[in-house]
C-alpha atoms as a PDB file:
ATOM      1  CA  MET A   1      53.603 -53.254 -25.794  1.00  0.00           C
ATOM      2  CA  ALA A   2      56.263 -55.803 -24.936  1.00  0.00           C
ATOM      3  CA  ILE A   3      53.547 -57.870 -23.245  1.00  0.00           C
ATOM      4  CA  VAL A   4      51.390 -57.646 -26.370  1.00  0.00           C
ATOM      5  CA  PHE A   5      54.223 -58.731 -28.684  1.00  0.00           C
ATOM      6  CA  GLY A   6      55.186 -61.537 -26.306  1.00  0.00           C
ATOM      7  CA  SER A   7      51.625 -62.820 -26.151  1.00  0.00           C
ATOM      8  CA  VAL A   8      51.307 -62.824 -29.930  1.00  0.00           C
ATOM      9  CA  PHE A   9      54.641 -64.617 -30.355  1.00  0.00           C
ATOM     10  CA  LEU A  10      53.654 -67.231 -27.770  1.00  0.00           C
ATOM     11  CA  THR A  11      50.307 -67.983 -29.366  1.00  0.00           C
ATOM     12  CA  LEU A  12      51.887 -68.164 -32.823  1.00  0.00           C
ATOM     13  CA  LEU A  13      54.304 -70.774 -31.497  1.00  0.00           C
ATOM     14  CA  LEU A  14      51.310 -72.855 -30.476  1.00  0.00           C
ATOM     15  CA  LEU A  15      50.423 -73.200 -34.154  1.00  0.00           C
ATOM     16  CA  PHE A  16      53.404 -75.526 -34.558  1.00  0.00           C
ATOM     17  CA  THR A  17      52.774 -77.737 -31.530  1.00  0.00           C
ATOM     18  CA  LEU A  18      49.145 -78.163 -30.460  1.00  0.00           C
ATOM     19  CA  PRO A  19      46.488 -80.464 -31.902  1.00  0.00           C
ATOM     20  CA  HIS A  20      43.113 -78.882 -32.702  1.00  0.00           C
ATOM     21  CA  LYS A  21      45.071 -75.673 -33.229  1.00  0.00           C
ATOM     22  CA  GLY A  22      42.134 -73.361 -33.865  1.00  0.00           C
ATOM     23  CA  PHE A  23      40.233 -74.139 -30.681  1.00  0.00           C
ATOM     24  CA  MET A  24      43.364 -74.389 -28.519  1.00  0.00           C
ATOM     25  CA  VAL A  25      44.806 -71.081 -29.762  1.00  0.00           C
ATOM     26  CA  MET A  26      41.447 -69.395 -29.152  1.00  0.00           C
ATOM     27  CA  VAL A  27      41.429 -70.694 -25.575  1.00  0.00           C
ATOM     28  CA  ALA A  28      45.073 -69.650 -25.072  1.00  0.00           C
ATOM     29  CA  SER A  29      44.592 -66.124 -26.426  1.00  0.00           C
ATOM     30  CA  ILE A  30      41.413 -65.549 -24.400  1.00  0.00           C
ATOM     31  CA  SER A  31      43.153 -66.909 -21.293  1.00  0.00           C
ATOM     32  CA  LEU A  32      45.984 -64.413 -21.780  1.00  0.00           C
ATOM     33  CA  ILE A  33      43.459 -61.568 -21.905  1.00  0.00           C
ATOM     34  CA  GLU A  34      41.805 -62.749 -18.695  1.00  0.00           C
ATOM     35  CA  LEU A  35      45.166 -63.156 -16.921  1.00  0.00           C
ATOM     36  CA  LYS A  36      46.273 -59.668 -17.956  1.00  0.00           C
ATOM     37  CA  ASP A  37      42.934 -58.269 -16.825  1.00  0.00           C
ATOM     38  CA  LEU A  38      43.073 -60.172 -13.531  1.00  0.00           C
ATOM     39  CA  PHE A  39      46.615 -59.056 -12.696  1.00  0.00           C
ATOM     40  CA  ARG A  40      46.543 -55.656 -14.398  1.00  0.00           C
ATOM     41  CA  GLN A  41      47.177 -53.850 -11.104  1.00  0.00           C
ATOM     42  CA  TYR A  42      50.594 -55.552 -10.966  1.00  0.00           C
ATOM     43  CA  LEU A  43      51.432 -54.978 -14.650  1.00  0.00           C
ATOM     44  CA  VAL A  44      50.147 -51.599 -15.806  1.00  0.00           C
ATOM     45  CA  PRO A  45      47.844 -48.853 -14.491  1.00  0.00           C
ATOM     46  CA  VAL A  46      44.134 -49.496 -15.000  1.00  0.00           C
ATOM     47  CA  SER A  47      43.781 -46.594 -17.437  1.00  0.00           C
ATOM     48  CA  ASP A  48      46.625 -47.941 -19.587  1.00  0.00           C
ATOM     49  CA  PHE A  49      45.144 -51.431 -19.661  1.00  0.00           C
ATOM     50  CA  ILE A  50      41.711 -50.132 -20.665  1.00  0.00           C
ATOM     51  CA  ALA A  51      43.417 -48.251 -23.510  1.00  0.00           C
ATOM     52  CA  VAL A  52      44.971 -51.452 -24.919  1.00  0.00           C
ATOM     53  CA  ARG A  53      42.155 -53.893 -24.099  1.00  0.00           C
ATOM     54  CA  GLY A  54      40.545 -53.321 -27.492  1.00  0.00           C
ATOM     55  CA  ILE A  55      43.860 -54.031 -29.200  1.00  0.00           C
ATOM     56  CA  LEU A  56      44.195 -57.284 -27.259  1.00  0.00           C
ATOM     57  CA  MET A  57      40.671 -58.306 -28.268  1.00  0.00           C
ATOM     58  CA  ILE A  58      41.335 -57.670 -31.967  1.00  0.00           C
ATOM     59  CA  LEU A  59      44.658 -59.536 -31.769  1.00  0.00           C
ATOM     60  CA  SER A  60      43.022 -62.522 -30.056  1.00  0.00           C
ATOM     61  CA  MET A  61      40.341 -62.722 -32.730  1.00  0.00           C
ATOM     62  CA  LYS A  62      42.924 -62.455 -35.508  1.00  0.00           C
ATOM     63  CA  ILE A  63      45.181 -65.109 -33.984  1.00  0.00           C
ATOM     64  CA  SER A  64      42.244 -67.467 -33.454  1.00  0.00           C
ATOM     65  CA  SER A  65      41.000 -67.035 -37.025  1.00  0.00           C
ATOM     66  CA  LEU A  66      44.541 -67.555 -38.316  1.00  0.00           C
ATOM     67  CA  ALA A  67      44.804 -70.778 -36.330  1.00  0.00           C
ATOM     68  CA  PHE A  68      41.510 -72.066 -37.728  1.00  0.00           C
ATOM     69  CA  ASP A  69      42.300 -71.054 -41.317  1.00  0.00           C
ATOM     70  CA  LYS A  70      46.026 -71.834 -41.508  1.00  0.00           C
ATOM     71  CA  GLY A  71      46.695 -74.139 -38.564  1.00  0.00           C
ATOM     72  CA  HIS A  72      46.871 -77.287 -40.682  1.00  0.00           C
ATOM     73  CA  ASP A  73      49.522 -75.931 -43.079  1.00  0.00           C
ATOM     74  CA  PHE A  74      51.189 -73.083 -41.189  1.00  0.00           C
ATOM     75  CA  ALA A  75      54.909 -72.956 -42.042  1.00  0.00           C
ATOM     76  CA  LEU A  76      57.842 -70.862 -40.893  1.00  0.00           C
ATOM     77  CA  THR A  77      57.705 -68.886 -44.147  1.00  0.00           C
ATOM     78  CA  ASP A  78      54.202 -67.713 -43.174  1.00  0.00           C
ATOM     79  CA  ALA A  79      55.481 -65.970 -40.031  1.00  0.00           C
ATOM     80  CA  VAL A  80      56.239 -62.607 -41.680  1.00  0.00           C
ATOM     81  CA  PRO A  81      52.884 -62.224 -43.498  1.00  0.00           C
ATOM     82  CA  ALA A  82      51.158 -63.485 -40.337  1.00  0.00           C
ATOM     83  CA  PHE A  83      52.749 -60.722 -38.253  1.00  0.00           C
ATOM     84  CA  ALA A  84      51.848 -58.205 -40.978  1.00  0.00           C
ATOM     85  CA  PHE A  85      48.245 -59.431 -40.769  1.00  0.00           C
ATOM     86  CA  LEU A  86      48.149 -59.273 -36.972  1.00  0.00           C
ATOM     87  CA  PHE A  87      49.732 -55.823 -36.718  1.00  0.00           C
ATOM     88  CA  ASN A  88      48.054 -54.301 -39.763  1.00  0.00           C
ATOM     89  CA  PRO A  89      48.247 -50.556 -38.943  1.00  0.00           C
ATOM     90  CA  SER A  90      44.817 -49.828 -40.410  1.00  0.00           C
ATOM     91  CA  THR A  91      43.051 -52.247 -38.042  1.00  0.00           C
ATOM     92  CA  ILE A  92      45.328 -52.787 -35.032  1.00  0.00           C
ATOM     93  CA  VAL A  93      43.910 -49.912 -32.952  1.00  0.00           C
ATOM     94  CA  PHE A  94      40.226 -49.496 -33.797  1.00  0.00           C
ATOM     95  CA  GLY A  95      39.619 -52.737 -35.664  1.00  0.00           C
ATOM     96  CA  PRO A  96      37.633 -54.111 -37.337  1.00  0.00           C
ATOM     97  CA  PHE A  97      38.311 -57.815 -37.206  1.00  0.00           C
ATOM     98  CA  HIS A  98      39.209 -59.285 -40.582  1.00  0.00           C
ATOM     99  CA  THR A  99      40.506 -62.638 -41.723  1.00  0.00           C
ATOM    100  CA  TYR A 100      43.890 -63.544 -43.153  1.00  0.00           C
ATOM    101  CA  GLY A 101      42.230 -63.964 -46.547  1.00  0.00           C
ATOM    102  CA  ASP A 102      40.841 -60.417 -46.376  1.00  0.00           C
ATOM    103  CA  PHE A 103      44.332 -59.126 -45.636  1.00  0.00           C
ATOM    104  CA  LEU A 104      45.898 -60.986 -48.584  1.00  0.00           C
ATOM    105  CA  LYS A 105      43.209 -59.664 -50.940  1.00  0.00           C
ATOM    106  CA  SER A 106      43.892 -56.110 -49.782  1.00  0.00           C
ATOM    107  CA  MET A 107      47.502 -56.506 -50.922  1.00  0.00           C
ATOM    108  CA  ASN A 108      46.340 -56.810 -54.540  1.00  0.00           C
ATOM    109  CA  ARG A 109      46.312 -53.370 -56.105  1.00  0.00           C
ATOM    110  CA  GLY A 110      42.964 -52.424 -57.621  1.00  0.00           C
ATOM    111  CA  THR A 111      42.194 -50.215 -60.579  1.00  0.00           C
ATOM    112  CA  SER A 112      42.417 -46.435 -60.337  1.00  0.00           C
ATOM    113  CA  ARG A 113      38.627 -46.234 -60.319  1.00  0.00           C
ATOM    114  CA  GLU A 114      38.388 -48.675 -57.412  1.00  0.00           C
ATOM    115  CA  GLU A 115      41.057 -46.803 -55.457  1.00  0.00           C
ATOM    116  CA  LEU A 116      39.271 -43.485 -56.044  1.00  0.00           C
ATOM    117  CA  SER A 117      35.944 -45.032 -55.023  1.00  0.00           C
ATOM    118  CA  ASN A 118      37.483 -46.338 -51.794  1.00  0.00           C
ATOM    119  CA  ALA A 119      38.943 -42.903 -51.027  1.00  0.00           C
ATOM    120  CA  VAL A 120      35.612 -41.117 -51.602  1.00  0.00           C
ATOM    121  CA  LEU A 121      33.690 -43.643 -49.499  1.00  0.00           C
ATOM    122  CA  SER A 122      36.299 -43.395 -46.737  1.00  0.00           C
ATOM    123  CA  VAL A 123      35.995 -39.606 -46.588  1.00  0.00           C
ATOM    124  CA  SER A 124      32.192 -39.921 -46.502  1.00  0.00           C
ATOM    125  CA  LEU A 125      32.375 -42.422 -43.651  1.00  0.00           C
ATOM    126  CA  LEU A 126      34.767 -40.163 -41.749  1.00  0.00           C
ATOM    127  CA  ALA A 127      32.315 -37.274 -42.115  1.00  0.00           C
ATOM    128  CA  VAL A 128      29.442 -39.388 -40.761  1.00  0.00           C
ATOM    129  CA  ALA A 129      31.685 -40.667 -37.954  1.00  0.00           C
ATOM    130  CA  LEU A 130      32.524 -37.097 -36.916  1.00  0.00           C
ATOM    131  CA  CYS A 131      28.810 -36.284 -36.824  1.00  0.00           C
ATOM    132  CA  PHE A 132      28.273 -39.166 -34.400  1.00  0.00           C
ATOM    133  CA  LEU A 133      31.250 -37.956 -32.355  1.00  0.00           C
ATOM    134  CA  MET A 134      29.817 -34.450 -32.041  1.00  0.00           C
ATOM    135  CA  TYR A 135      26.399 -35.867 -31.206  1.00  0.00           C
ATOM    136  CA  SER A 136      27.751 -38.121 -28.469  1.00  0.00           C
ATOM    137  CA  SER A 137      30.039 -35.466 -26.972  1.00  0.00           C
ATOM    138  CA  CYS A 138      28.143 -32.212 -27.323  1.00  0.00           C
ATOM    139  CA  LEU A 139      24.394 -32.756 -27.489  1.00  0.00           C
ATOM    140  CA  SER A 140      24.079 -34.207 -23.988  1.00  0.00           C
ATOM    141  CA  ILE A 141      25.629 -31.001 -22.570  1.00  0.00           C
ATOM    142  CA  ILE A 142      22.698 -28.956 -23.871  1.00  0.00           C
ATOM    143  CA  VAL A 143      20.155 -31.046 -21.967  1.00  0.00           C
ATOM    144  CA  PRO A 144      19.829 -29.789 -18.359  1.00  0.00           C
ATOM    145  CA  GLU A 145      20.625 -32.203 -15.534  1.00  0.00           C
ATOM    146  CA  GLY A 146      17.579 -33.882 -14.060  1.00  0.00           C
ATOM    147  CA  SER A 147      15.645 -33.536 -17.295  1.00  0.00           C
ATOM    148  CA  ILE A 148      13.484 -36.447 -18.398  1.00  0.00           C
ATOM    149  CA  LEU A 149      15.558 -36.560 -21.591  1.00  0.00           C
ATOM    150  CA  ALA A 150      18.918 -36.730 -19.788  1.00  0.00           C
ATOM    151  CA  ASP A 151      18.961 -40.533 -19.472  1.00  0.00           C
ATOM    152  CA  TYR A 152      17.794 -40.903 -23.065  1.00  0.00           C
ATOM    153  CA  PHE A 153      20.625 -38.740 -24.386  1.00  0.00           C
ATOM    154  CA  LEU A 154      23.112 -40.506 -22.110  1.00  0.00           C
ATOM    155  CA  ALA A 155      22.178 -43.858 -23.671  1.00  0.00           C
ATOM    156  CA  GLN A 156      22.285 -42.300 -27.124  1.00  0.00           C
ATOM    157  CA  SER A 157      25.696 -40.849 -26.329  1.00  0.00           C
ATOM    158  CA  PHE A 158      27.037 -44.332 -25.597  1.00  0.00           C
ATOM    159  CA  ARG A 159      25.619 -45.751 -28.817  1.00  0.00           C
ATOM    160  CA  SER A 160      26.805 -42.792 -30.878  1.00  0.00           C
ATOM    161  CA  SER A 161      30.357 -43.109 -29.565  1.00  0.00           C
ATOM    162  CA  HIS A 162      30.263 -46.772 -30.598  1.00  0.00           C
ATOM    163  CA  PHE A 163      29.046 -45.790 -34.070  1.00  0.00           C
ATOM    164  CA  PHE A 164      31.888 -43.260 -34.304  1.00  0.00           C
ATOM    165  CA  VAL A 165      34.539 -45.888 -33.569  1.00  0.00           C
ATOM    166  CA  CYS A 166      32.940 -48.422 -35.926  1.00  0.00           C
ATOM    167  CA  LEU A 167      32.630 -46.015 -38.857  1.00  0.00           C
ATOM    168  CA  LEU A 168      36.151 -44.693 -38.235  1.00  0.00           C
ATOM    169  CA  SER A 169      37.541 -48.233 -38.311  1.00  0.00           C
ATOM    170  CA  GLN A 170      35.546 -48.991 -41.464  1.00  0.00           C
ATOM    171  CA  ALA A 171      36.942 -45.886 -43.172  1.00  0.00           C
ATOM    172  CA  LEU A 172      40.539 -46.728 -42.223  1.00  0.00           C
ATOM    173  CA  SER A 173      40.206 -50.348 -43.344  1.00  0.00           C
ATOM    174  CA  MET A 174      38.674 -49.179 -46.633  1.00  0.00           C
ATOM    175  CA  LEU A 175      41.701 -46.956 -47.253  1.00  0.00           C
ATOM    176  CA  SER A 176      43.879 -50.060 -46.876  1.00  0.00           C
ATOM    177  CA  GLY A 177      41.869 -51.913 -49.534  1.00  0.00           C
ATOM    178  CA  MET A 178      39.329 -53.844 -47.441  1.00  0.00           C
ATOM    179  CA  ARG A 179      35.604 -53.207 -47.780  1.00  0.00           C
ATOM    180  CA  ILE A 180      34.192 -54.461 -44.492  1.00  0.00           C
ATOM    181  CA  SER A 181      30.810 -53.434 -43.109  1.00  0.00           C
ATOM    182  CA  VAL A 182      31.284 -52.805 -39.391  1.00  0.00           C
ATOM    183  CA  CYS A 183      27.919 -51.646 -38.058  1.00  0.00           C
ATOM    184  CA  SER A 184      24.504 -50.395 -39.150  1.00  0.00           C
ATOM    185  CA  PRO A 185      23.308 -47.488 -36.980  1.00  0.00           C
ATOM    186  CA  PHE A 186      19.881 -47.487 -38.653  1.00  0.00           C
ATOM    187  CA  LYS A 187      19.236 -51.160 -37.828  1.00  0.00           C
ATOM    188  CA  VAL A 188      20.415 -50.641 -34.254  1.00  0.00           C
ATOM    189  CA  GLU A 189      18.202 -47.600 -33.679  1.00  0.00           C
ATOM    190  CA  PHE A 190      15.174 -49.030 -35.534  1.00  0.00           C
ATOM    191  CA  PRO A 191      15.457 -52.828 -35.165  1.00  0.00           C
ATOM    192  CA  ARG A 192      12.917 -55.463 -36.120  1.00  0.00           C
ATOM    193  CA  SER A 193      14.156 -57.750 -33.350  1.00  0.00           C
ATOM    194  CA  LEU A 194      16.902 -58.030 -30.761  1.00  0.00           C
ATOM    195  CA  VAL A 195      18.777 -60.456 -33.015  1.00  0.00           C
ATOM    196  CA  VAL A 196      19.050 -57.665 -35.589  1.00  0.00           C
ATOM    197  CA  VAL A 197      20.520 -55.363 -32.924  1.00  0.00           C
ATOM    198  CA  VAL A 198      23.095 -57.953 -31.864  1.00  0.00           C
ATOM    199  CA  THR A 199      24.112 -58.600 -35.472  1.00  0.00           C
ATOM    200  CA  ALA A 200      24.183 -54.978 -36.642  1.00  0.00           C
ATOM    201  CA  TRP A 201      26.003 -53.712 -33.521  1.00  0.00           C
ATOM    202  CA  ASN A 202      29.315 -55.252 -34.576  1.00  0.00           C
ATOM    203  CA  MET A 203      29.192 -57.228 -37.818  1.00  0.00           C
ATOM    204  CA  PRO A 204      32.848 -58.398 -37.828  1.00  0.00           C
ATOM    205  CA  MET A 205      32.436 -59.741 -34.281  1.00  0.00           C
ATOM    206  CA  HIS A 206      29.254 -61.536 -35.355  1.00  0.00           C
ATOM    207  CA  ARG A 207      31.118 -62.936 -38.357  1.00  0.00           C
ATOM    208  CA  PHE A 208      33.938 -64.202 -36.153  1.00  0.00           C
ATOM    209  CA  LEU A 209      31.578 -65.910 -33.708  1.00  0.00           C
ATOM    210  CA  HIS A 210      29.342 -67.324 -36.446  1.00  0.00           C
ATOM    211  CA  VAL A 211      32.172 -68.734 -38.575  1.00  0.00           C
ATOM    212  CA  TYR A 212      34.594 -70.064 -35.969  1.00  0.00           C
ATOM    213  CA  LEU A 213      32.308 -71.126 -33.117  1.00  0.00           C
ATOM    214  CA  LYS A 214      30.320 -73.430 -35.370  1.00  0.00           C
ATOM    215  CA  PHE A 215      33.005 -76.062 -34.690  1.00  0.00           C
ATOM    216  CA  LEU A 216      31.732 -76.349 -31.105  1.00  0.00           C
ATOM    217  CA  SER A 217      28.538 -78.129 -32.338  1.00  0.00           C
ATOM    218  CA  LEU A 218      26.559 -77.368 -29.206  1.00  0.00           C
ATOM    219  CA  GLY A 219      23.179 -77.046 -30.839  1.00  0.00           C
ATOM    220  CA  SER A 220      21.071 -73.922 -31.216  1.00  0.00           C
ATOM    221  CA  ALA A 221      20.886 -72.930 -27.549  1.00  0.00           C
ATOM    222  CA  GLY A 222      24.466 -73.945 -26.796  1.00  0.00           C
ATOM    223  CA  SER A 223      25.907 -72.064 -29.758  1.00  0.00           C
ATOM    224  CA  ILE A 224      24.008 -68.880 -28.834  1.00  0.00           C
ATOM    225  CA  PHE A 225      25.205 -68.925 -25.231  1.00  0.00           C
ATOM    226  CA  ALA A 226      28.730 -69.957 -26.247  1.00  0.00           C
ATOM    227  CA  SER A 227      28.857 -66.996 -28.635  1.00  0.00           C
ATOM    228  CA  PHE A 228      27.913 -64.522 -25.915  1.00  0.00           C
ATOM    229  CA  VAL A 229      30.257 -66.138 -23.377  1.00  0.00           C
ATOM    230  CA  VAL A 230      33.205 -65.944 -25.782  1.00  0.00           C
ATOM    231  CA  SER A 231      32.258 -62.372 -26.658  1.00  0.00           C
ATOM    232  CA  SER A 232      32.223 -61.380 -22.980  1.00  0.00           C
ATOM    233  CA  LEU A 233      35.585 -63.088 -22.398  1.00  0.00           C
ATOM    234  CA  LEU A 234      37.103 -61.272 -25.364  1.00  0.00           C
ATOM    235  CA  HIS A 235      36.022 -57.981 -23.806  1.00  0.00           C
ATOM    236  CA  GLY A 236      37.963 -58.847 -20.649  1.00  0.00           C
ATOM    237  CA  PHE A 237      37.063 -59.585 -17.043  1.00  0.00           C
ATOM    238  CA  ASN A 238      34.264 -57.024 -16.708  1.00  0.00           C
ATOM    239  CA  PHE A 239      31.134 -57.892 -14.740  1.00  0.00           C
ATOM    240  CA  GLN A 240      28.961 -55.188 -16.329  1.00  0.00           C
ATOM    241  CA  ILE A 241      29.795 -56.196 -19.899  1.00  0.00           C
ATOM    242  CA  THR A 242      29.423 -59.895 -19.085  1.00  0.00           C
ATOM    243  CA  ALA A 243      26.028 -59.341 -17.450  1.00  0.00           C
ATOM    244  CA  VAL A 244      24.755 -57.339 -20.425  1.00  0.00           C
ATOM    245  CA  LEU A 245      26.015 -59.845 -22.993  1.00  0.00           C
ATOM    246  CA  LEU A 246      24.657 -62.876 -21.149  1.00  0.00           C
ATOM    247  CA  SER A 247      21.276 -61.191 -20.697  1.00  0.00           C
ATOM    248  CA  LEU A 248      21.280 -60.476 -24.434  1.00  0.00           C
ATOM    249  CA  GLY A 249      22.034 -64.154 -24.980  1.00  0.00           C
ATOM    250  CA  PHE A 250      19.035 -65.235 -22.893  1.00  0.00           C
ATOM    251  CA  VAL A 251      16.661 -62.789 -24.572  1.00  0.00           C
ATOM    252  CA  SER A 252      17.948 -63.652 -28.062  1.00  0.00           C
ATOM    253  CA  TYR A 253      17.508 -67.361 -27.405  1.00  0.00           C
ATOM    254  CA  PHE A 254      13.923 -67.022 -26.187  1.00  0.00           C
ATOM    255  CA  GLU A 255      13.098 -64.609 -28.997  1.00  0.00           C
ATOM    256  CA  ASN A 256      14.537 -67.045 -31.526  1.00  0.00           C
ATOM    257  CA  SER A 257      12.662 -69.980 -29.966  1.00  0.00           C
ATOM    258  CA  LYS A 258       9.395 -68.051 -30.050  1.00  0.00           C
ATOM    259  CA  SER A 259       9.935 -67.128 -33.698  1.00  0.00           C
ATOM    260  CA  LEU A 260      10.571 -70.760 -34.610  1.00  0.00           C
ATOM    261  CA  GLN A 261       7.446 -71.885 -32.771  1.00  0.00           C
ATOM    262  CA  SER A 262       5.317 -69.293 -34.561  1.00  0.00           C
ATOM    263  CA  LEU A 263       6.659 -70.474 -37.913  1.00  0.00           C
ATOM    264  CA  LYS A 264       5.872 -74.109 -37.132  1.00  0.00           C
ATOM    265  CA  SER A 265       2.369 -73.422 -35.848  1.00  0.00           C
ATOM    266  CA  PRO A 266      -0.391 -73.591 -38.518  1.00  0.00           C
END
């Protein structure tokens, strides 16, 4: 955790010194993730690093968004609320990503009816999340090994565990006063296109990439590939994840190009 706190403090210091603060802080925070991943065998055991990699990803996204949103007028008096935003206990472990503005709005106390509504929705989301957890952990055990359905349930187990984490994070963030949609299991399981899957898989991640990578101005193809490259880098130095994300980028680009051509054709 000392490494995590040191990394956050270092990148916050960059807000006072660097030009183009948003882009530079994003590069610095992603570089720190890659360096930790590259030299993890000298720093911490692999299992420990995998356990905190998600925390590092959320912190990097928060720091980058803070640099884009507040880099031009960040003052020393903003340091305490900035650290409270970065280490928000409701989102530091499971996420989801949220902006500094979302955090400030959550500090405003709502009416009793709104608070009760948030509590009821949070409990409902937790119940659905537990259903996904049981599905991902228990149902695949029932299917015999070598069965034609084994691979299907293995893939479903991976997706269901992702839905569990997303809905759990959404419930916890809702208890803290933030209503953030994290994922849509229905759209992922029954998509109209691959773009819908990519968007509905992790909505806060899509929001981060869509809002803050627009400054790169690389055009349609460039922005799509840049989004998937940044997403793979945020997940750490992992060949499997990078290969999957880049392949999704290629397929999404060609699917989007084909859709545009069909719309233009008479």
